[in-house]
Amino acid sequence: MALGTAMAAYELRFDSGRICLDLLATTHPEERLDSVEVLCAWITGSGLVPYGTPLAHADASWLVGFRELRGRIGQLVRGGPAPQTGLPYGLALARVNEFALAPPPAPRAVAGEDGKLVRELDGPPACAALLGAVARDAVELLTDPVARAGIRQCEGDNCPIVYLDTSRGRRRRWCSSEVCGNRERVARHRRRAALART
C-alpha cells in the first residue's frame, strides 16, 4: 500500500474484543494509521460511528490524537495486572482519564430506506468525542477485574497484539486463529515433515 492511500478494510483488524485493543492493533506489523483516510476507515470499521457517517472534517490533528491515545492505552494495558506507581504509568492514566471526559457523539434513531430504524449521529462527530469513546472503553476494561484478567498477549512469533480472551476456559492463544494460529499450524507441520524426512 502506498503511503497516504486508504487501506482496504480487510487490512484493518477488529478481532481483539474491545475497541481500545483494536486501536492498539493498528501498529502491527507496521503503522496502520498512516493517513486521515485510513483513520476514518478505522473509525467506521470499529463501530465508533455508523457506516455512512460523514467524516470529511477529519484532519491531521485527528491522527495525532488517536496515536497519542493509542500510546497511552498501550502503556496501561502492558503495565501489568496491578496498577503501577511509576511516572510514565501515572501520566498515561491521567491522560486517558482526560480523554474520557469528552461527551460521546449523540446517536439518534431514524427510519432507514426499508422503514426499519437505523442509528445515525445527530451531527458530524468531533474528534474529542470519538477519542472519549475509545478512552472510556479503556477505562471500563482496565477497571473491570474479570475483563482485565482476560487480557492476553498473542503467542504468535513476533506478534505484539493484545486481545481480550473470552473463550471458554480462557485458552485462546492467538490474536487470530486465521492469522497467527494458521502460521503456527503451518510451522508445526513443516517441523513434522522435516523430522519425517530425516
N, C-alpha and C. Protein backbone atom coordinates (compact mmCIF):
# COMPACT_ATOMS: atom_id res chain seq x y z
N MET A 1 0.84 -1.17 0.00
CA MET A 1 0.00 0.00 0.00
C MET A 1 0.88 1.23 0.00
N ALA A 2 0.59 2.15 -0.87
CA ALA A 2 1.36 3.39 -0.92
C ALA A 2 0.98 4.28 0.25
N LEU A 3 1.96 4.97 0.77
CA LEU A 3 1.73 5.85 1.90
C LEU A 3 0.70 6.91 1.52
N GLY A 4 -0.28 7.12 2.38
CA GLY A 4 -1.27 8.15 2.14
C GLY A 4 -2.50 7.68 1.38
N THR A 5 -2.54 6.42 0.99
CA THR A 5 -3.74 5.92 0.32
C THR A 5 -4.57 5.14 1.31
N ALA A 6 -5.87 5.13 1.08
CA ALA A 6 -6.77 4.43 2.01
C ALA A 6 -6.49 2.94 1.99
N MET A 7 -6.42 2.35 3.16
CA MET A 7 -6.16 0.93 3.30
C MET A 7 -7.47 0.16 3.15
N ALA A 8 -7.41 -0.97 2.50
CA ALA A 8 -8.60 -1.81 2.37
C ALA A 8 -9.07 -2.22 3.76
N ALA A 9 -10.40 -2.30 3.92
CA ALA A 9 -10.96 -2.61 5.22
C ALA A 9 -10.44 -3.93 5.78
N TYR A 10 -10.16 -4.92 4.91
CA TYR A 10 -9.71 -6.22 5.40
C TYR A 10 -8.32 -6.16 6.01
N GLU A 11 -7.57 -5.09 5.74
CA GLU A 11 -6.25 -4.95 6.32
C GLU A 11 -6.29 -4.35 7.72
N LEU A 12 -7.42 -3.77 8.08
CA LEU A 12 -7.60 -3.26 9.44
C LEU A 12 -8.24 -4.37 10.25
N ARG A 13 -7.76 -4.56 11.46
CA ARG A 13 -8.24 -5.69 12.28
C ARG A 13 -9.15 -5.20 13.38
N PHE A 14 -10.23 -5.96 13.57
CA PHE A 14 -11.21 -5.65 14.61
C PHE A 14 -11.58 -6.93 15.35
N ASP A 15 -10.57 -7.70 15.74
CA ASP A 15 -10.83 -9.00 16.35
C ASP A 15 -10.24 -9.13 17.76
N SER A 16 -9.90 -8.02 18.38
CA SER A 16 -9.29 -8.09 19.72
C SER A 16 -10.32 -8.19 20.83
N GLY A 17 -11.56 -7.87 20.54
CA GLY A 17 -12.61 -7.97 21.56
C GLY A 17 -12.98 -6.66 22.22
N ARG A 18 -12.22 -5.61 22.00
CA ARG A 18 -12.52 -4.28 22.55
C ARG A 18 -12.03 -3.23 21.57
N ILE A 19 -12.73 -2.11 21.50
CA ILE A 19 -12.33 -1.04 20.60
C ILE A 19 -10.95 -0.50 20.97
N CYS A 20 -10.69 -0.34 22.27
CA CYS A 20 -9.39 0.20 22.69
C CYS A 20 -8.25 -0.74 22.29
N LEU A 21 -8.49 -2.05 22.34
CA LEU A 21 -7.45 -3.00 21.93
C LEU A 21 -7.32 -3.07 20.42
N ASP A 22 -8.44 -2.86 19.70
CA ASP A 22 -8.37 -2.77 18.23
C ASP A 22 -7.51 -1.58 17.82
N LEU A 23 -7.59 -0.49 18.59
CA LEU A 23 -6.75 0.67 18.29
C LEU A 23 -5.28 0.30 18.48
N LEU A 24 -4.96 -0.46 19.53
CA LEU A 24 -3.56 -0.90 19.73
C LEU A 24 -3.06 -1.74 18.56
N ALA A 25 -3.95 -2.51 17.95
CA ALA A 25 -3.55 -3.40 16.85
C ALA A 25 -3.17 -2.64 15.58
N THR A 26 -3.43 -1.34 15.55
CA THR A 26 -3.10 -0.57 14.34
C THR A 26 -1.60 -0.28 14.20
N THR A 27 -0.79 -0.82 15.08
CA THR A 27 0.66 -0.64 14.97
C THR A 27 1.35 -1.86 14.37
N HIS A 28 0.61 -2.93 14.11
CA HIS A 28 1.23 -4.19 13.69
C HIS A 28 0.71 -4.64 12.34
N PRO A 29 1.55 -5.14 11.46
CA PRO A 29 3.01 -5.30 11.58
C PRO A 29 3.75 -3.99 11.32
N GLU A 30 3.02 -2.96 10.94
CA GLU A 30 3.61 -1.64 10.73
C GLU A 30 2.54 -0.62 11.09
N GLU A 31 2.90 0.63 11.07
CA GLU A 31 1.94 1.70 11.36
C GLU A 31 0.78 1.63 10.36
N ARG A 32 -0.42 1.43 10.87
CA ARG A 32 -1.61 1.37 10.01
C ARG A 32 -2.27 2.73 9.85
N LEU A 33 -2.21 3.55 10.90
CA LEU A 33 -2.85 4.85 10.84
C LEU A 33 -1.89 5.85 10.21
N ASP A 34 -1.65 5.66 8.90
CA ASP A 34 -0.67 6.49 8.21
C ASP A 34 -1.31 7.61 7.40
N SER A 35 -2.63 7.73 7.45
CA SER A 35 -3.31 8.81 6.75
C SER A 35 -4.67 9.04 7.40
N VAL A 36 -5.21 10.21 7.13
CA VAL A 36 -6.54 10.54 7.66
C VAL A 36 -7.59 9.59 7.07
N GLU A 37 -7.41 9.22 5.81
CA GLU A 37 -8.37 8.31 5.16
C GLU A 37 -8.41 6.95 5.87
N VAL A 38 -7.25 6.43 6.23
CA VAL A 38 -7.21 5.14 6.93
C VAL A 38 -7.80 5.29 8.33
N LEU A 39 -7.51 6.38 9.00
CA LEU A 39 -8.10 6.61 10.32
C LEU A 39 -9.62 6.64 10.21
N CYS A 40 -10.16 7.32 9.21
CA CYS A 40 -11.61 7.37 9.03
C CYS A 40 -12.17 5.97 8.76
N ALA A 41 -11.45 5.16 7.98
CA ALA A 41 -11.88 3.78 7.75
C ALA A 41 -11.87 2.99 9.05
N TRP A 42 -10.86 3.22 9.89
CA TRP A 42 -10.80 2.53 11.18
C TRP A 42 -11.95 2.98 12.08
N ILE A 43 -12.22 4.28 12.13
CA ILE A 43 -13.30 4.81 12.97
C ILE A 43 -14.62 4.17 12.58
N THR A 44 -14.88 4.06 11.29
CA THR A 44 -16.13 3.45 10.82
C THR A 44 -16.12 1.95 11.06
N GLY A 45 -15.02 1.28 10.71
CA GLY A 45 -14.93 -0.17 10.87
C GLY A 45 -15.01 -0.63 12.31
N SER A 46 -14.56 0.21 13.23
CA SER A 46 -14.59 -0.15 14.65
C SER A 46 -15.99 -0.02 15.24
N GLY A 47 -16.88 0.66 14.53
CA GLY A 47 -18.23 0.85 15.05
C GLY A 47 -18.39 2.12 15.87
N LEU A 48 -17.35 2.95 15.93
CA LEU A 48 -17.48 4.21 16.66
C LEU A 48 -18.55 5.10 16.04
N VAL A 49 -18.67 5.02 14.72
CA VAL A 49 -19.73 5.76 14.02
C VAL A 49 -20.43 4.79 13.07
N PRO A 50 -21.71 5.03 12.77
CA PRO A 50 -22.40 4.17 11.81
C PRO A 50 -21.82 4.35 10.40
N TYR A 51 -21.92 3.30 9.59
CA TYR A 51 -21.47 3.41 8.20
C TYR A 51 -22.21 4.54 7.53
N GLY A 52 -21.51 5.29 6.71
CA GLY A 52 -22.10 6.42 6.01
C GLY A 52 -21.99 7.73 6.75
N THR A 53 -21.46 7.71 7.98
CA THR A 53 -21.30 8.96 8.73
C THR A 53 -20.24 9.81 8.05
N PRO A 54 -20.58 11.06 7.72
CA PRO A 54 -19.57 11.92 7.08
C PRO A 54 -18.42 12.23 8.03
N LEU A 55 -17.21 12.03 7.55
CA LEU A 55 -16.01 12.34 8.34
C LEU A 55 -15.07 13.24 7.55
N ALA A 56 -15.63 14.00 6.59
CA ALA A 56 -14.81 14.85 5.73
C ALA A 56 -14.10 15.94 6.52
N HIS A 57 -14.59 16.26 7.70
CA HIS A 57 -13.97 17.30 8.53
C HIS A 57 -12.75 16.80 9.29
N ALA A 58 -12.46 15.51 9.22
CA ALA A 58 -11.27 14.95 9.90
C ALA A 58 -10.02 15.52 9.25
N ASP A 59 -9.02 15.79 10.08
CA ASP A 59 -7.77 16.31 9.55
C ASP A 59 -6.58 15.65 10.28
N ALA A 60 -5.40 16.14 9.99
CA ALA A 60 -4.18 15.53 10.55
C ALA A 60 -4.16 15.59 12.08
N SER A 61 -4.84 16.55 12.69
CA SER A 61 -4.86 16.61 14.16
C SER A 61 -5.56 15.38 14.74
N TRP A 62 -6.48 14.79 13.99
CA TRP A 62 -7.14 13.56 14.45
C TRP A 62 -6.12 12.43 14.56
N LEU A 63 -5.22 12.34 13.58
CA LEU A 63 -4.17 11.30 13.63
C LEU A 63 -3.33 11.48 14.88
N VAL A 64 -2.96 12.70 15.19
CA VAL A 64 -2.14 12.98 16.37
C VAL A 64 -2.88 12.52 17.63
N GLY A 65 -4.15 12.87 17.74
CA GLY A 65 -4.93 12.50 18.92
C GLY A 65 -5.09 11.00 19.07
N PHE A 66 -5.44 10.30 17.98
CA PHE A 66 -5.64 8.85 18.06
C PHE A 66 -4.33 8.12 18.33
N ARG A 67 -3.24 8.60 17.74
CA ARG A 67 -1.95 7.96 18.01
C ARG A 67 -1.52 8.17 19.46
N GLU A 68 -1.77 9.38 19.99
CA GLU A 68 -1.41 9.62 21.39
C GLU A 68 -2.23 8.72 22.31
N LEU A 69 -3.54 8.67 22.08
CA LEU A 69 -4.39 7.83 22.92
C LEU A 69 -3.96 6.37 22.82
N ARG A 70 -3.63 5.92 21.62
CA ARG A 70 -3.17 4.54 21.43
C ARG A 70 -1.93 4.27 22.26
N GLY A 71 -0.98 5.19 22.25
CA GLY A 71 0.24 5.01 23.03
C GLY A 71 -0.03 4.96 24.52
N ARG A 72 -0.91 5.82 24.99
CA ARG A 72 -1.25 5.85 26.42
C ARG A 72 -1.97 4.57 26.84
N ILE A 73 -2.90 4.10 26.01
CA ILE A 73 -3.59 2.85 26.33
C ILE A 73 -2.60 1.70 26.35
N GLY A 74 -1.67 1.69 25.40
CA GLY A 74 -0.64 0.65 25.37
C GLY A 74 0.17 0.62 26.65
N GLN A 75 0.53 1.78 27.18
CA GLN A 75 1.27 1.84 28.44
C GLN A 75 0.46 1.23 29.58
N LEU A 76 -0.83 1.49 29.60
CA LEU A 76 -1.67 0.98 30.68
C LEU A 76 -1.93 -0.51 30.55
N VAL A 77 -2.22 -0.96 29.35
CA VAL A 77 -2.55 -2.38 29.14
C VAL A 77 -1.32 -3.25 29.36
N ARG A 78 -0.18 -2.78 28.93
CA ARG A 78 1.04 -3.58 29.06
C ARG A 78 1.73 -3.34 30.40
N GLY A 79 1.11 -2.53 31.26
CA GLY A 79 1.71 -2.20 32.55
C GLY A 79 1.60 -3.31 33.58
N GLY A 80 0.87 -4.36 33.29
CA GLY A 80 0.74 -5.47 34.23
C GLY A 80 -0.62 -5.48 34.89
N PRO A 81 -0.92 -6.55 35.63
CA PRO A 81 -2.24 -6.69 36.22
C PRO A 81 -2.52 -5.74 37.38
N ALA A 82 -1.49 -5.31 38.10
CA ALA A 82 -1.69 -4.40 39.23
C ALA A 82 -1.27 -3.00 38.81
N PRO A 83 -1.97 -1.98 39.29
CA PRO A 83 -1.58 -0.61 38.93
C PRO A 83 -0.14 -0.31 39.32
N GLN A 84 0.53 0.33 38.44
CA GLN A 84 1.91 0.72 38.67
C GLN A 84 1.91 2.14 39.25
N THR A 85 2.94 2.47 39.97
CA THR A 85 3.02 3.80 40.55
C THR A 85 4.06 4.66 39.85
N GLY A 86 4.74 4.11 38.85
CA GLY A 86 5.78 4.86 38.16
C GLY A 86 5.21 6.05 37.40
N LEU A 87 6.08 7.01 37.12
CA LEU A 87 5.69 8.24 36.45
C LEU A 87 5.07 8.00 35.08
N PRO A 88 5.66 7.21 34.18
CA PRO A 88 5.03 7.02 32.87
C PRO A 88 3.63 6.42 32.98
N TYR A 89 3.43 5.45 33.86
CA TYR A 89 2.12 4.83 34.04
C TYR A 89 1.12 5.86 34.55
N GLY A 90 1.52 6.65 35.53
CA GLY A 90 0.64 7.66 36.10
C GLY A 90 0.26 8.73 35.09
N LEU A 91 1.22 9.14 34.26
CA LEU A 91 0.93 10.13 33.22
C LEU A 91 -0.02 9.55 32.17
N ALA A 92 0.19 8.30 31.80
CA ALA A 92 -0.69 7.65 30.83
C ALA A 92 -2.10 7.55 31.38
N LEU A 93 -2.22 7.17 32.65
CA LEU A 93 -3.52 7.05 33.29
C LEU A 93 -4.23 8.41 33.34
N ALA A 94 -3.52 9.44 33.70
CA ALA A 94 -4.10 10.79 33.77
C ALA A 94 -4.58 11.24 32.39
N ARG A 95 -3.79 10.95 31.38
CA ARG A 95 -4.15 11.38 30.01
C ARG A 95 -5.36 10.61 29.49
N VAL A 96 -5.42 9.30 29.72
CA VAL A 96 -6.59 8.51 29.29
C VAL A 96 -7.83 9.01 30.02
N ASN A 97 -7.71 9.28 31.30
CA ASN A 97 -8.84 9.83 32.06
C ASN A 97 -9.27 11.18 31.50
N GLU A 98 -8.32 11.98 31.08
CA GLU A 98 -8.63 13.28 30.49
C GLU A 98 -9.38 13.11 29.17
N PHE A 99 -8.91 12.19 28.33
CA PHE A 99 -9.60 11.90 27.07
C PHE A 99 -11.04 11.44 27.34
N ALA A 100 -11.23 10.63 28.39
CA ALA A 100 -12.53 10.03 28.69
C ALA A 100 -13.58 11.04 29.13
N LEU A 101 -13.18 12.25 29.47
CA LEU A 101 -14.12 13.27 29.92
C LEU A 101 -15.02 13.81 28.81
N ALA A 102 -14.57 13.73 27.58
CA ALA A 102 -15.35 14.29 26.47
C ALA A 102 -16.66 13.54 26.31
N PRO A 103 -17.77 14.26 26.10
CA PRO A 103 -19.05 13.58 25.90
C PRO A 103 -19.04 12.80 24.59
N PRO A 104 -19.75 11.66 24.55
CA PRO A 104 -19.75 10.83 23.33
C PRO A 104 -20.58 11.47 22.23
N PRO A 105 -20.40 11.03 20.99
CA PRO A 105 -21.24 11.51 19.91
C PRO A 105 -22.71 11.15 20.21
N ALA A 106 -23.61 12.05 19.88
CA ALA A 106 -25.03 11.82 20.18
C ALA A 106 -25.69 10.99 19.08
N PRO A 107 -26.16 9.77 19.42
CA PRO A 107 -26.85 8.96 18.42
C PRO A 107 -28.34 9.29 18.38
N ARG A 108 -28.96 8.93 17.27
CA ARG A 108 -30.41 9.04 17.17
C ARG A 108 -30.89 7.94 16.25
N ALA A 109 -32.15 7.54 16.43
CA ALA A 109 -32.76 6.52 15.58
C ALA A 109 -33.56 7.22 14.49
N VAL A 110 -33.36 6.78 13.26
CA VAL A 110 -34.10 7.32 12.12
C VAL A 110 -34.59 6.16 11.26
N ALA A 111 -35.61 6.41 10.48
CA ALA A 111 -36.14 5.38 9.58
C ALA A 111 -35.19 5.23 8.40
N GLY A 112 -34.78 4.00 8.14
CA GLY A 112 -33.93 3.71 7.00
C GLY A 112 -34.76 3.61 5.73
N GLU A 113 -34.09 3.29 4.62
CA GLU A 113 -34.78 3.18 3.33
C GLU A 113 -35.87 2.12 3.35
N ASP A 114 -35.67 1.06 4.13
CA ASP A 114 -36.66 -0.02 4.20
C ASP A 114 -37.70 0.20 5.31
N GLY A 115 -37.62 1.33 5.98
CA GLY A 115 -38.57 1.64 7.05
C GLY A 115 -38.13 1.20 8.43
N LYS A 116 -37.10 0.37 8.52
CA LYS A 116 -36.59 -0.07 9.82
C LYS A 116 -35.73 1.02 10.43
N LEU A 117 -35.73 1.05 11.76
CA LEU A 117 -34.93 2.05 12.44
C LEU A 117 -33.44 1.73 12.34
N VAL A 118 -32.66 2.75 12.06
CA VAL A 118 -31.21 2.63 12.00
C VAL A 118 -30.62 3.74 12.84
N ARG A 119 -29.39 3.53 13.26
CA ARG A 119 -28.68 4.51 14.09
C ARG A 119 -27.87 5.44 13.20
N GLU A 120 -27.94 6.72 13.51
CA GLU A 120 -27.04 7.69 12.90
C GLU A 120 -26.69 8.70 13.98
N LEU A 121 -25.70 9.51 13.70
CA LEU A 121 -25.30 10.52 14.67
C LEU A 121 -26.07 11.81 14.42
N ASP A 122 -26.27 12.56 15.47
CA ASP A 122 -27.03 13.81 15.38
C ASP A 122 -26.32 14.84 14.51
N GLY A 123 -25.04 14.70 14.37
CA GLY A 123 -24.25 15.61 13.54
C GLY A 123 -22.87 15.02 13.34
N PRO A 124 -22.03 15.67 12.58
CA PRO A 124 -20.67 15.15 12.40
C PRO A 124 -19.96 15.05 13.74
N PRO A 125 -19.34 13.92 14.03
CA PRO A 125 -18.70 13.75 15.34
C PRO A 125 -17.42 14.56 15.46
N ALA A 126 -17.20 15.09 16.64
CA ALA A 126 -15.94 15.79 16.92
C ALA A 126 -14.88 14.75 17.27
N CYS A 127 -13.64 15.06 16.98
CA CYS A 127 -12.54 14.15 17.29
C CYS A 127 -12.52 13.85 18.79
N ALA A 128 -12.70 14.87 19.62
CA ALA A 128 -12.66 14.67 21.07
C ALA A 128 -13.73 13.67 21.52
N ALA A 129 -14.91 13.70 20.90
CA ALA A 129 -15.98 12.78 21.26
C ALA A 129 -15.60 11.34 20.92
N LEU A 130 -14.97 11.15 19.78
CA LEU A 130 -14.56 9.79 19.38
C LEU A 130 -13.42 9.29 20.26
N LEU A 131 -12.45 10.17 20.55
CA LEU A 131 -11.36 9.80 21.45
C LEU A 131 -11.92 9.46 22.83
N GLY A 132 -12.92 10.23 23.26
CA GLY A 132 -13.54 9.97 24.55
C GLY A 132 -14.19 8.60 24.61
N ALA A 133 -14.84 8.20 23.52
CA ALA A 133 -15.48 6.88 23.48
C ALA A 133 -14.45 5.76 23.61
N VAL A 134 -13.32 5.90 22.92
CA VAL A 134 -12.26 4.88 22.99
C VAL A 134 -11.63 4.89 24.39
N ALA A 135 -11.40 6.08 24.93
CA ALA A 135 -10.80 6.18 26.26
C ALA A 135 -11.72 5.58 27.32
N ARG A 136 -13.04 5.81 27.21
CA ARG A 136 -13.97 5.21 28.18
C ARG A 136 -13.97 3.69 28.06
N ASP A 137 -13.82 3.18 26.84
CA ASP A 137 -13.73 1.72 26.68
C ASP A 137 -12.49 1.19 27.41
N ALA A 138 -11.38 1.92 27.30
CA ALA A 138 -10.16 1.51 28.01
C ALA A 138 -10.36 1.57 29.52
N VAL A 139 -11.00 2.62 30.01
CA VAL A 139 -11.26 2.76 31.45
C VAL A 139 -12.12 1.59 31.93
N GLU A 140 -13.17 1.27 31.17
CA GLU A 140 -14.04 0.15 31.56
C GLU A 140 -13.27 -1.17 31.58
N LEU A 141 -12.44 -1.39 30.58
CA LEU A 141 -11.66 -2.62 30.51
C LEU A 141 -10.68 -2.72 31.69
N LEU A 142 -9.98 -1.64 31.95
CA LEU A 142 -8.93 -1.67 32.96
C LEU A 142 -9.46 -1.68 34.39
N THR A 143 -10.70 -1.26 34.59
CA THR A 143 -11.26 -1.23 35.94
C THR A 143 -12.19 -2.41 36.23
N ASP A 144 -12.42 -3.26 35.25
CA ASP A 144 -13.24 -4.45 35.44
C ASP A 144 -12.29 -5.62 35.69
N PRO A 145 -12.22 -6.15 36.92
CA PRO A 145 -11.25 -7.21 37.24
C PRO A 145 -11.41 -8.45 36.38
N VAL A 146 -12.64 -8.80 36.03
CA VAL A 146 -12.86 -10.00 35.21
C VAL A 146 -12.34 -9.77 33.80
N ALA A 147 -12.70 -8.64 33.22
CA ALA A 147 -12.23 -8.34 31.86
C ALA A 147 -10.71 -8.18 31.85
N ARG A 148 -10.18 -7.47 32.81
CA ARG A 148 -8.73 -7.25 32.86
C ARG A 148 -7.97 -8.58 32.94
N ALA A 149 -8.52 -9.54 33.67
CA ALA A 149 -7.88 -10.86 33.78
C ALA A 149 -7.87 -11.59 32.44
N GLY A 150 -8.72 -11.18 31.51
CA GLY A 150 -8.79 -11.82 30.20
C GLY A 150 -7.90 -11.19 29.15
N ILE A 151 -7.14 -10.16 29.51
CA ILE A 151 -6.24 -9.52 28.56
C ILE A 151 -5.05 -10.46 28.32
N ARG A 152 -4.79 -10.75 27.06
CA ARG A 152 -3.70 -11.66 26.68
C ARG A 152 -2.82 -11.05 25.60
N GLN A 153 -1.57 -11.46 25.62
CA GLN A 153 -0.62 -11.13 24.55
C GLN A 153 -0.60 -12.32 23.59
N CYS A 154 -0.69 -12.06 22.30
CA CYS A 154 -0.67 -13.14 21.31
C CYS A 154 0.61 -13.96 21.45
N GLU A 155 0.48 -15.28 21.33
CA GLU A 155 1.64 -16.17 21.42
C GLU A 155 2.31 -16.39 20.07
N GLY A 156 1.81 -15.73 19.02
CA GLY A 156 2.42 -15.85 17.70
C GLY A 156 3.81 -15.24 17.68
N ASP A 157 4.67 -15.79 16.83
CA ASP A 157 6.03 -15.27 16.71
C ASP A 157 6.00 -13.80 16.32
N ASN A 158 6.67 -12.98 17.10
CA ASN A 158 6.81 -11.54 16.83
C ASN A 158 5.48 -10.81 16.69
N CYS A 159 4.45 -11.26 17.37
CA CYS A 159 3.15 -10.59 17.30
C CYS A 159 2.89 -9.88 18.63
N PRO A 160 2.84 -8.55 18.59
CA PRO A 160 2.62 -7.79 19.82
C PRO A 160 1.15 -7.52 20.15
N ILE A 161 0.23 -8.08 19.37
CA ILE A 161 -1.18 -7.75 19.53
C ILE A 161 -1.72 -8.28 20.86
N VAL A 162 -2.47 -7.43 21.52
CA VAL A 162 -3.12 -7.74 22.78
C VAL A 162 -4.61 -7.90 22.48
N TYR A 163 -5.24 -8.89 23.09
CA TYR A 163 -6.65 -9.16 22.84
C TYR A 163 -7.34 -9.55 24.14
N LEU A 164 -8.65 -9.56 24.11
CA LEU A 164 -9.44 -9.97 25.26
C LEU A 164 -9.89 -11.40 25.04
N ASP A 165 -9.44 -12.30 25.90
CA ASP A 165 -9.78 -13.72 25.78
C ASP A 165 -11.11 -13.99 26.48
N THR A 166 -12.13 -14.20 25.67
CA THR A 166 -13.45 -14.53 26.20
C THR A 166 -13.82 -15.96 25.85
N SER A 167 -12.83 -16.74 25.42
CA SER A 167 -13.10 -18.12 25.03
C SER A 167 -13.45 -18.97 26.25
N ARG A 168 -14.11 -20.06 25.99
CA ARG A 168 -14.45 -20.99 27.05
C ARG A 168 -13.17 -21.54 27.65
N GLY A 169 -13.03 -21.47 28.93
CA GLY A 169 -11.82 -21.96 29.60
C GLY A 169 -10.65 -21.01 29.50
N ARG A 170 -10.84 -19.89 28.82
CA ARG A 170 -9.77 -18.89 28.66
C ARG A 170 -8.48 -19.52 28.13
N ARG A 171 -8.63 -20.27 27.02
CA ARG A 171 -7.47 -20.96 26.46
C ARG A 171 -7.05 -20.43 25.10
N ARG A 172 -7.59 -19.30 24.69
CA ARG A 172 -7.21 -18.72 23.40
C ARG A 172 -5.73 -18.35 23.46
N ARG A 173 -5.00 -18.69 22.39
CA ARG A 173 -3.56 -18.46 22.37
C ARG A 173 -3.13 -17.35 21.41
N TRP A 174 -3.94 -17.11 20.38
CA TRP A 174 -3.51 -16.17 19.34
C TRP A 174 -4.52 -15.05 19.18
N CYS A 175 -4.02 -13.93 18.67
CA CYS A 175 -4.90 -12.80 18.39
C CYS A 175 -5.94 -13.19 17.36
N SER A 176 -5.54 -14.05 16.42
CA SER A 176 -6.45 -14.52 15.38
C SER A 176 -6.05 -15.93 14.99
N SER A 177 -7.00 -16.82 15.01
CA SER A 177 -6.73 -18.20 14.60
C SER A 177 -6.37 -18.25 13.12
N GLU A 178 -6.97 -17.34 12.34
CA GLU A 178 -6.72 -17.32 10.89
C GLU A 178 -5.36 -16.73 10.55
N VAL A 179 -4.82 -15.88 11.38
CA VAL A 179 -3.54 -15.23 11.07
C VAL A 179 -2.42 -15.94 11.85
N CYS A 180 -2.24 -15.61 13.11
CA CYS A 180 -1.14 -16.19 13.88
C CYS A 180 -1.34 -17.68 14.14
N GLY A 181 -2.57 -18.10 14.39
CA GLY A 181 -2.83 -19.52 14.61
C GLY A 181 -2.48 -20.34 13.39
N ASN A 182 -2.84 -19.84 12.21
CA ASN A 182 -2.53 -20.55 10.98
C ASN A 182 -1.02 -20.61 10.75
N ARG A 183 -0.32 -19.51 11.03
CA ARG A 183 1.15 -19.52 10.89
C ARG A 183 1.76 -20.59 11.79
N GLU A 184 1.27 -20.70 13.02
CA GLU A 184 1.79 -21.70 13.96
C GLU A 184 1.52 -23.11 13.46
N ARG A 185 0.31 -23.34 12.95
CA ARG A 185 -0.01 -24.68 12.44
C ARG A 185 0.85 -25.04 11.22
N VAL A 186 1.10 -24.08 10.33
CA VAL A 186 1.95 -24.33 9.17
C VAL A 186 3.37 -24.63 9.62
N ALA A 187 3.89 -23.86 10.58
CA ALA A 187 5.25 -24.08 11.09
C ALA A 187 5.37 -25.45 11.75
N ARG A 188 4.34 -25.84 12.51
CA ARG A 188 4.35 -27.14 13.17
C ARG A 188 4.35 -28.26 12.12
N HIS A 189 3.56 -28.10 11.07
CA HIS A 189 3.51 -29.10 10.00
C HIS A 189 4.87 -29.21 9.31
N ARG A 190 5.50 -28.09 9.07
CA ARG A 190 6.82 -28.11 8.42
C ARG A 190 7.86 -28.79 9.29
N ARG A 191 7.79 -28.54 10.60
CA ARG A 191 8.74 -29.20 11.52
C ARG A 191 8.53 -30.71 11.50
N ARG A 192 7.26 -31.16 11.54
CA ARG A 192 6.99 -32.61 11.50
C ARG A 192 7.45 -33.22 10.18
N ALA A 193 7.21 -32.50 9.08
CA ALA A 193 7.61 -33.01 7.77
C ALA A 193 9.14 -33.10 7.68
N ALA A 194 9.84 -32.13 8.25
CA ALA A 194 11.31 -32.15 8.23
C ALA A 194 11.83 -33.31 9.07
N LEU A 195 11.21 -33.57 10.23
CA LEU A 195 11.62 -34.69 11.07
C LEU A 195 11.36 -36.03 10.37
N ALA A 196 10.25 -36.10 9.67
CA ALA A 196 9.92 -37.34 8.96
C ALA A 196 10.92 -37.64 7.84
N ARG A 197 11.46 -36.60 7.21
CA ARG A 197 12.41 -36.79 6.13
C ARG A 197 13.78 -37.23 6.65
N THR A 198 14.10 -36.92 7.91
CA THR A 198 15.45 -37.25 8.41
C THR A 198 15.51 -38.64 8.98
